[in-house]
Amino acid sequence: MRNPFLFYRRSTMWMEPTDGAKPLTPLRAVLYVASVIAIAWVFEFFPSGWLERLTAETSSRTLLIFGFASGWGLNSGEAYLTLIGGARDVSATIIRECTAMHVFAMFAGLVLPLGGGLWRRKLLSLALAGPVLFALNISRVALTVVLTAFDVPPFAWVFTNPTVETYHYPLSFAYGIFGVALLIIMIGRWTLPELGDTLIGISNLFIKR
């Protein structure tokens, strides 16, 4: 079976060898996956209220730039985003799951457990990933609200009276997969080829079985 990460390896072959890299054994692969899960879980304890407010405000400002009548505010401490003037008025509460913190947590889990003396490049990779994920998430939130407020073909042919949840889940899934894939390729090419090498190695272990 062809390795789905093969295109990535070809794109990074020109880079220098990894720092202190060790052969990827099944045990090391299991420990790496366990570390990814553990780090992503730790992020669940980080406060997100500030990020929810920032997401609501930035999404509203983005919609205003594109000519939509949007606003944001707080209701009992919860951030919300509104859009009026479409086929229906929309008000969406911005909760933790709307901030892309989960995607960043998963990416941090992929980056931080990598072996070798890579800490400078790990931190640089996370610093680059944060703004990229934030921008992608703002576009996701804005698109979700716009599609809910306006009857946009071909979606309107299927969803005659959509709610925020109608578009929230499929868009969140698509953006999550696309966002992580984009970051892996981008960070692997620019700052941390070890990430791609590790994922390739793990995929090879499974494929060979």
C-alpha atoms as a PDB file:
ATOM      1  CA  MET A   1       0.000   0.000   0.000  1.00  0.00           C
ATOM      2  CA  ARG A   2       1.332   3.421  -0.895  1.00  0.00           C
ATOM      3  CA  ASN A   3       2.179   5.599   2.092  1.00  0.00           C
ATOM      4  CA  PRO A   4      -0.215   8.587   2.094  1.00  0.00           C
ATOM      5  CA  PHE A   5       2.546  10.766   3.580  1.00  0.00           C
ATOM      6  CA  LEU A   6       5.004   9.988   0.752  1.00  0.00           C
ATOM      7  CA  PHE A   7       4.417  13.348  -0.942  1.00  0.00           C
ATOM      8  CA  TYR A   8       5.459  15.038   2.287  1.00  0.00           C
ATOM      9  CA  ARG A   9       8.752  13.162   2.510  1.00  0.00           C
ATOM     10  CA  ARG A  10       9.634  14.118  -1.038  1.00  0.00           C
ATOM     11  CA  SER A  11       8.993  17.767  -0.220  1.00  0.00           C
ATOM     12  CA  THR A  12      11.356  17.702   2.768  1.00  0.00           C
ATOM     13  CA  MET A  13      14.261  15.571   1.478  1.00  0.00           C
ATOM     14  CA  TRP A  14      16.372  18.655   0.835  1.00  0.00           C
ATOM     15  CA  MET A  15      16.426  19.531   4.532  1.00  0.00           C
ATOM     16  CA  GLU A  16      19.281  18.649   6.856  1.00  0.00           C
ATOM     17  CA  PRO A  17      19.021  15.528   9.044  1.00  0.00           C
ATOM     18  CA  THR A  18      16.921  15.868  12.176  1.00  0.00           C
ATOM     19  CA  ASP A  19      18.548  16.829  15.469  1.00  0.00           C
ATOM     20  CA  GLY A  20      19.178  13.812  17.674  1.00  0.00           C
ATOM     21  CA  ALA A  21      16.607  11.699  15.856  1.00  0.00           C
ATOM     22  CA  LYS A  22      16.262   8.068  16.973  1.00  0.00           C
ATOM     23  CA  PRO A  23      14.790   5.130  15.050  1.00  0.00           C
ATOM     24  CA  LEU A  24      11.037   4.979  15.503  1.00  0.00           C
ATOM     25  CA  THR A  25      10.188   1.699  17.197  1.00  0.00           C
ATOM     26  CA  PRO A  26       6.639   0.481  17.984  1.00  0.00           C
ATOM     27  CA  LEU A  27       7.182   1.378  21.647  1.00  0.00           C
ATOM     28  CA  ARG A  28       8.322   4.899  20.796  1.00  0.00           C
ATOM     29  CA  ALA A  29       5.332   5.276  18.469  1.00  0.00           C
ATOM     30  CA  VAL A  30       2.919   4.218  21.223  1.00  0.00           C
ATOM     31  CA  LEU A  31       4.545   6.602  23.715  1.00  0.00           C
ATOM     32  CA  TYR A  32       4.336   9.420  21.170  1.00  0.00           C
ATOM     33  CA  VAL A  33       0.624   8.830  20.525  1.00  0.00           C
ATOM     34  CA  ALA A  34      -0.027   8.636  24.277  1.00  0.00           C
ATOM     35  CA  SER A  35       1.812  11.949  24.742  1.00  0.00           C
ATOM     36  CA  VAL A  36      -0.278  13.575  22.003  1.00  0.00           C
ATOM     37  CA  ILE A  37      -3.476  12.526  23.775  1.00  0.00           C
ATOM     38  CA  ALA A  38      -2.190  13.599  27.201  1.00  0.00           C
ATOM     39  CA  ILE A  39      -1.097  17.058  26.035  1.00  0.00           C
ATOM     40  CA  ALA A  40      -4.378  17.653  24.209  1.00  0.00           C
ATOM     41  CA  TRP A  41      -6.223  16.635  27.390  1.00  0.00           C
ATOM     42  CA  VAL A  42      -4.195  19.053  29.559  1.00  0.00           C
ATOM     43  CA  PHE A  43      -5.380  21.921  27.349  1.00  0.00           C
ATOM     44  CA  GLU A  44      -8.922  21.216  28.578  1.00  0.00           C
ATOM     45  CA  PHE A  45      -7.939  22.887  31.854  1.00  0.00           C
ATOM     46  CA  PHE A  46      -6.798  26.144  30.209  1.00  0.00           C
ATOM     47  CA  PRO A  47      -9.270  29.054  30.571  1.00  0.00           C
ATOM     48  CA  SER A  48     -10.876  30.081  27.279  1.00  0.00           C
ATOM     49  CA  GLY A  49     -13.158  32.998  28.197  1.00  0.00           C
ATOM     50  CA  TRP A  50     -10.720  35.585  26.857  1.00  0.00           C
ATOM     51  CA  LEU A  51     -10.413  33.691  23.588  1.00  0.00           C
ATOM     52  CA  GLU A  52     -14.185  33.329  23.251  1.00  0.00           C
ATOM     53  CA  ARG A  53     -14.570  37.107  23.574  1.00  0.00           C
ATOM     54  CA  LEU A  54     -11.744  37.752  21.111  1.00  0.00           C
ATOM     55  CA  THR A  55     -13.283  35.288  18.639  1.00  0.00           C
ATOM     56  CA  ALA A  56     -16.693  36.955  18.867  1.00  0.00           C
ATOM     57  CA  GLU A  57     -15.272  40.456  18.462  1.00  0.00           C
ATOM     58  CA  THR A  58     -12.917  39.582  15.598  1.00  0.00           C
ATOM     59  CA  SER A  59     -15.621  37.618  13.762  1.00  0.00           C
ATOM     60  CA  SER A  60     -17.996  40.565  14.058  1.00  0.00           C
ATOM     61  CA  ARG A  61     -15.392  43.014  12.799  1.00  0.00           C
ATOM     62  CA  THR A  62     -14.611  40.696   9.887  1.00  0.00           C
ATOM     63  CA  LEU A  63     -18.289  40.541   8.922  1.00  0.00           C
ATOM     64  CA  LEU A  64     -18.523  44.328   9.144  1.00  0.00           C
ATOM     65  CA  ILE A  65     -15.563  44.669   6.777  1.00  0.00           C
ATOM     66  CA  PHE A  66     -17.466  42.594   4.216  1.00  0.00           C
ATOM     67  CA  GLY A  67     -20.568  44.757   4.546  1.00  0.00           C
ATOM     68  CA  PHE A  68     -22.697  42.640   6.884  1.00  0.00           C
ATOM     69  CA  ALA A  69     -24.618  44.131   9.823  1.00  0.00           C
ATOM     70  CA  SER A  70     -22.949  42.345  12.709  1.00  0.00           C
ATOM     71  CA  GLY A  71     -22.358  42.913  16.393  1.00  0.00           C
ATOM     72  CA  TRP A  72     -21.064  41.116  19.443  1.00  0.00           C
ATOM     73  CA  GLY A  73     -21.415  41.309  23.205  1.00  0.00           C
ATOM     74  CA  LEU A  74     -21.599  39.455  26.494  1.00  0.00           C
ATOM     75  CA  ASN A  75     -24.649  37.833  28.057  1.00  0.00           C
ATOM     76  CA  SER A  76     -24.168  36.496  31.596  1.00  0.00           C
ATOM     77  CA  GLY A  77     -20.455  36.296  30.883  1.00  0.00           C
ATOM     78  CA  GLU A  78     -20.896  34.388  27.605  1.00  0.00           C
ATOM     79  CA  ALA A  79     -19.747  35.959  24.338  1.00  0.00           C
ATOM     80  CA  TYR A  80     -22.186  36.078  21.454  1.00  0.00           C
ATOM     81  CA  LEU A  81     -22.152  37.135  17.817  1.00  0.00           C
ATOM     82  CA  THR A  82     -25.077  38.531  15.811  1.00  0.00           C
ATOM     83  CA  LEU A  83     -25.858  39.130  12.165  1.00  0.00           C
ATOM     84  CA  ILE A  84     -29.047  40.876  11.055  1.00  0.00           C
ATOM     85  CA  GLY A  85     -30.543  41.855   7.726  1.00  0.00           C
ATOM     86  CA  GLY A  86     -30.486  38.459   6.031  1.00  0.00           C
ATOM     87  CA  ALA A  87     -33.281  35.991   5.375  1.00  0.00           C
ATOM     88  CA  ARG A  88     -33.222  35.459   9.136  1.00  0.00           C
ATOM     89  CA  ASP A  89     -31.442  37.166  12.027  1.00  0.00           C
ATOM     90  CA  VAL A  90     -28.770  35.074  13.679  1.00  0.00           C
ATOM     91  CA  SER A  91     -27.384  35.097  17.195  1.00  0.00           C
ATOM     92  CA  ALA A  92     -24.654  32.579  18.017  1.00  0.00           C
ATOM     93  CA  THR A  93     -23.079  31.966  21.412  1.00  0.00           C
ATOM     94  CA  ILE A  94     -19.311  31.598  21.185  1.00  0.00           C
ATOM     95  CA  ILE A  95     -18.194  28.796  23.484  1.00  0.00           C
ATOM     96  CA  ARG A  96     -14.876  27.023  23.983  1.00  0.00           C
ATOM     97  CA  GLU A  97     -15.459  24.718  21.015  1.00  0.00           C
ATOM     98  CA  CYS A  98     -15.806  27.792  18.762  1.00  0.00           C
ATOM     99  CA  THR A  99     -12.284  29.061  19.448  1.00  0.00           C
ATOM    100  CA  ALA A 100     -10.142  26.389  17.694  1.00  0.00           C
ATOM    101  CA  MET A 101      -8.420  25.720  21.019  1.00  0.00           C
ATOM    102  CA  HIS A 102      -9.037  21.997  20.555  1.00  0.00           C
ATOM    103  CA  VAL A 103      -7.278  22.016  17.187  1.00  0.00           C
ATOM    104  CA  PHE A 104      -4.345  23.967  18.623  1.00  0.00           C
ATOM    105  CA  ALA A 105      -4.204  21.511  21.539  1.00  0.00           C
ATOM    106  CA  MET A 106      -3.997  18.581  19.128  1.00  0.00           C
ATOM    107  CA  PHE A 107      -1.276  20.318  17.108  1.00  0.00           C
ATOM    108  CA  ALA A 108       0.672  21.119  20.283  1.00  0.00           C
ATOM    109  CA  GLY A 109       0.336  17.452  21.193  1.00  0.00           C
ATOM    110  CA  LEU A 110       1.871  16.477  17.859  1.00  0.00           C
ATOM    111  CA  VAL A 111       4.767  18.942  18.209  1.00  0.00           C
ATOM    112  CA  LEU A 112       5.839  18.932  21.854  1.00  0.00           C
ATOM    113  CA  PRO A 113       6.655  15.194  22.290  1.00  0.00           C
ATOM    114  CA  LEU A 114       9.059  15.117  19.318  1.00  0.00           C
ATOM    115  CA  GLY A 115      12.499  13.893  20.410  1.00  0.00           C
ATOM    116  CA  GLY A 116      15.845  15.648  19.995  1.00  0.00           C
ATOM    117  CA  GLY A 117      17.075  19.162  20.749  1.00  0.00           C
ATOM    118  CA  LEU A 118      14.226  20.898  18.950  1.00  0.00           C
ATOM    119  CA  TRP A 119      12.712  23.191  21.572  1.00  0.00           C
ATOM    120  CA  ARG A 120      13.506  26.429  19.811  1.00  0.00           C
ATOM    121  CA  ARG A 121      11.887  25.206  16.601  1.00  0.00           C
ATOM    122  CA  LYS A 122       8.998  23.625  18.486  1.00  0.00           C
ATOM    123  CA  LEU A 123       8.151  26.955  20.102  1.00  0.00           C
ATOM    124  CA  LEU A 124       8.552  28.743  16.781  1.00  0.00           C
ATOM    125  CA  SER A 125       6.216  26.223  15.165  1.00  0.00           C
ATOM    126  CA  LEU A 126       3.550  26.794  17.823  1.00  0.00           C
ATOM    127  CA  ALA A 127       3.981  30.565  17.499  1.00  0.00           C
ATOM    128  CA  LEU A 128       3.338  30.282  13.757  1.00  0.00           C
ATOM    129  CA  ALA A 129       0.458  27.852  14.165  1.00  0.00           C
ATOM    130  CA  GLY A 130      -1.496  30.050  16.576  1.00  0.00           C
ATOM    131  CA  PRO A 131      -2.223  32.968  14.194  1.00  0.00           C
ATOM    132  CA  VAL A 132      -2.896  30.627  11.256  1.00  0.00           C
ATOM    133  CA  LEU A 133      -5.448  28.637  13.247  1.00  0.00           C
ATOM    134  CA  PHE A 134      -7.027  31.802  14.626  1.00  0.00           C
ATOM    135  CA  ALA A 135      -7.485  33.249  11.131  1.00  0.00           C
ATOM    136  CA  LEU A 136      -8.927  29.984   9.808  1.00  0.00           C
ATOM    137  CA  ASN A 137     -11.298  29.803  12.739  1.00  0.00           C
ATOM    138  CA  ILE A 138     -12.538  33.367  12.244  1.00  0.00           C
ATOM    139  CA  SER A 139     -13.334  32.537   8.624  1.00  0.00           C
ATOM    140  CA  ARG A 140     -15.171  29.403   9.790  1.00  0.00           C
ATOM    141  CA  VAL A 141     -17.277  31.272  12.349  1.00  0.00           C
ATOM    142  CA  ALA A 142     -18.092  34.072   9.897  1.00  0.00           C
ATOM    143  CA  LEU A 143     -18.996  31.607   7.139  1.00  0.00           C
ATOM    144  CA  THR A 144     -21.231  29.622   9.504  1.00  0.00           C
ATOM    145  CA  VAL A 145     -23.169  32.747  10.475  1.00  0.00           C
ATOM    146  CA  VAL A 146     -23.493  34.004   6.890  1.00  0.00           C
ATOM    147  CA  LEU A 147     -24.753  30.659   5.581  1.00  0.00           C
ATOM    148  CA  THR A 148     -27.288  30.548   8.416  1.00  0.00           C
ATOM    149  CA  ALA A 149     -28.516  34.102   7.826  1.00  0.00           C
ATOM    150  CA  PHE A 150     -28.732  33.986   4.035  1.00  0.00           C
ATOM    151  CA  ASP A 151     -30.220  31.376   1.699  1.00  0.00           C
ATOM    152  CA  VAL A 152     -27.136  30.556  -0.354  1.00  0.00           C
ATOM    153  CA  PRO A 153     -27.472  27.964  -3.158  1.00  0.00           C
ATOM    154  CA  PRO A 154     -26.893  25.052  -3.288  1.00  0.00           C
ATOM    155  CA  PHE A 155     -27.170  24.791   0.512  1.00  0.00           C
ATOM    156  CA  ALA A 156     -30.543  26.543   0.548  1.00  0.00           C
ATOM    157  CA  TRP A 157     -31.951  23.844  -1.731  1.00  0.00           C
ATOM    158  CA  VAL A 158     -31.392  21.303   1.044  1.00  0.00           C
ATOM    159  CA  PHE A 159     -31.744  23.357   4.223  1.00  0.00           C
ATOM    160  CA  THR A 160     -34.906  25.468   4.041  1.00  0.00           C
ATOM    161  CA  ASN A 161     -34.800  26.807   7.599  1.00  0.00           C
ATOM    162  CA  PRO A 162     -31.219  26.371   8.836  1.00  0.00           C
ATOM    163  CA  THR A 163     -29.918  27.058  12.317  1.00  0.00           C
ATOM    164  CA  VAL A 164     -26.336  27.699  13.394  1.00  0.00           C
ATOM    165  CA  GLU A 165     -25.971  23.987  14.217  1.00  0.00           C
ATOM    166  CA  THR A 166     -26.902  23.100  10.618  1.00  0.00           C
ATOM    167  CA  TYR A 167     -23.584  24.426   9.339  1.00  0.00           C
ATOM    168  CA  HIS A 168     -21.547  24.429  12.537  1.00  0.00           C
ATOM    169  CA  TYR A 169     -20.741  20.716  12.709  1.00  0.00           C
ATOM    170  CA  PRO A 170     -19.867  19.964   9.064  1.00  0.00           C
ATOM    171  CA  LEU A 171     -17.822  23.166   8.728  1.00  0.00           C
ATOM    172  CA  SER A 172     -16.039  22.515  12.024  1.00  0.00           C
ATOM    173  CA  PHE A 173     -15.125  19.000  10.919  1.00  0.00           C
ATOM    174  CA  ALA A 174     -13.894  20.150   7.496  1.00  0.00           C
ATOM    175  CA  TYR A 175     -11.919  23.075   8.918  1.00  0.00           C
ATOM    176  CA  GLY A 176     -10.430  20.878  11.639  1.00  0.00           C
ATOM    177  CA  ILE A 177      -9.108  18.312   9.160  1.00  0.00           C
ATOM    178  CA  PHE A 178      -7.941  20.982   6.711  1.00  0.00           C
ATOM    179  CA  GLY A 179      -6.372  23.118   9.443  1.00  0.00           C
ATOM    180  CA  VAL A 180      -4.287  20.300  10.923  1.00  0.00           C
ATOM    181  CA  ALA A 181      -3.215  19.061   7.469  1.00  0.00           C
ATOM    182  CA  LEU A 182      -2.226  22.587   6.418  1.00  0.00           C
ATOM    183  CA  LEU A 183      -0.219  23.116   9.592  1.00  0.00           C
ATOM    184  CA  ILE A 184       1.595  19.790   9.289  1.00  0.00           C
ATOM    185  CA  ILE A 185       2.658  20.605   5.724  1.00  0.00           C
ATOM    186  CA  MET A 186       3.500  24.241   6.461  1.00  0.00           C
ATOM    187  CA  ILE A 187       5.433  23.617   9.669  1.00  0.00           C
ATOM    188  CA  GLY A 188       7.154  20.578   8.198  1.00  0.00           C
ATOM    189  CA  ARG A 189       8.481  22.595   5.288  1.00  0.00           C
ATOM    190  CA  TRP A 190       9.409  25.742   7.175  1.00  0.00           C
ATOM    191  CA  THR A 191      10.492  24.919  10.707  1.00  0.00           C
ATOM    192  CA  LEU A 192      10.061  21.336  11.871  1.00  0.00           C
ATOM    193  CA  PRO A 193      10.601  18.512   9.317  1.00  0.00           C
ATOM    194  CA  GLU A 194      10.798  16.102  12.260  1.00  0.00           C
ATOM    195  CA  LEU A 195       7.030  16.340  12.582  1.00  0.00           C
ATOM    196  CA  GLY A 196       6.435  14.946   9.118  1.00  0.00           C
ATOM    197  CA  ASP A 197       9.168  12.327   9.560  1.00  0.00           C
ATOM    198  CA  THR A 198       7.528  11.095  12.765  1.00  0.00           C
ATOM    199  CA  LEU A 199       4.051  10.894  11.246  1.00  0.00           C
ATOM    200  CA  ILE A 200       5.461   9.076   8.221  1.00  0.00           C
ATOM    201  CA  GLY A 201       7.258   6.636  10.491  1.00  0.00           C
ATOM    202  CA  ILE A 202       4.119   5.929  12.513  1.00  0.00           C
ATOM    203  CA  SER A 203       2.025   5.446   9.382  1.00  0.00           C
ATOM    204  CA  ASN A 204       4.667   3.027   8.043  1.00  0.00           C
ATOM    205  CA  LEU A 205       4.484   0.970  11.229  1.00  0.00           C
ATOM    206  CA  PHE A 206       0.726   0.550  10.823  1.00  0.00           C
ATOM    207  CA  ILE A 207       0.840  -0.038   7.066  1.00  0.00           C
ATOM    208  CA  LYS A 208       3.466  -2.765   7.329  1.00  0.00           C
ATOM    209  CA  ARG A 209       1.372  -4.728   9.787  1.00  0.00           C
END
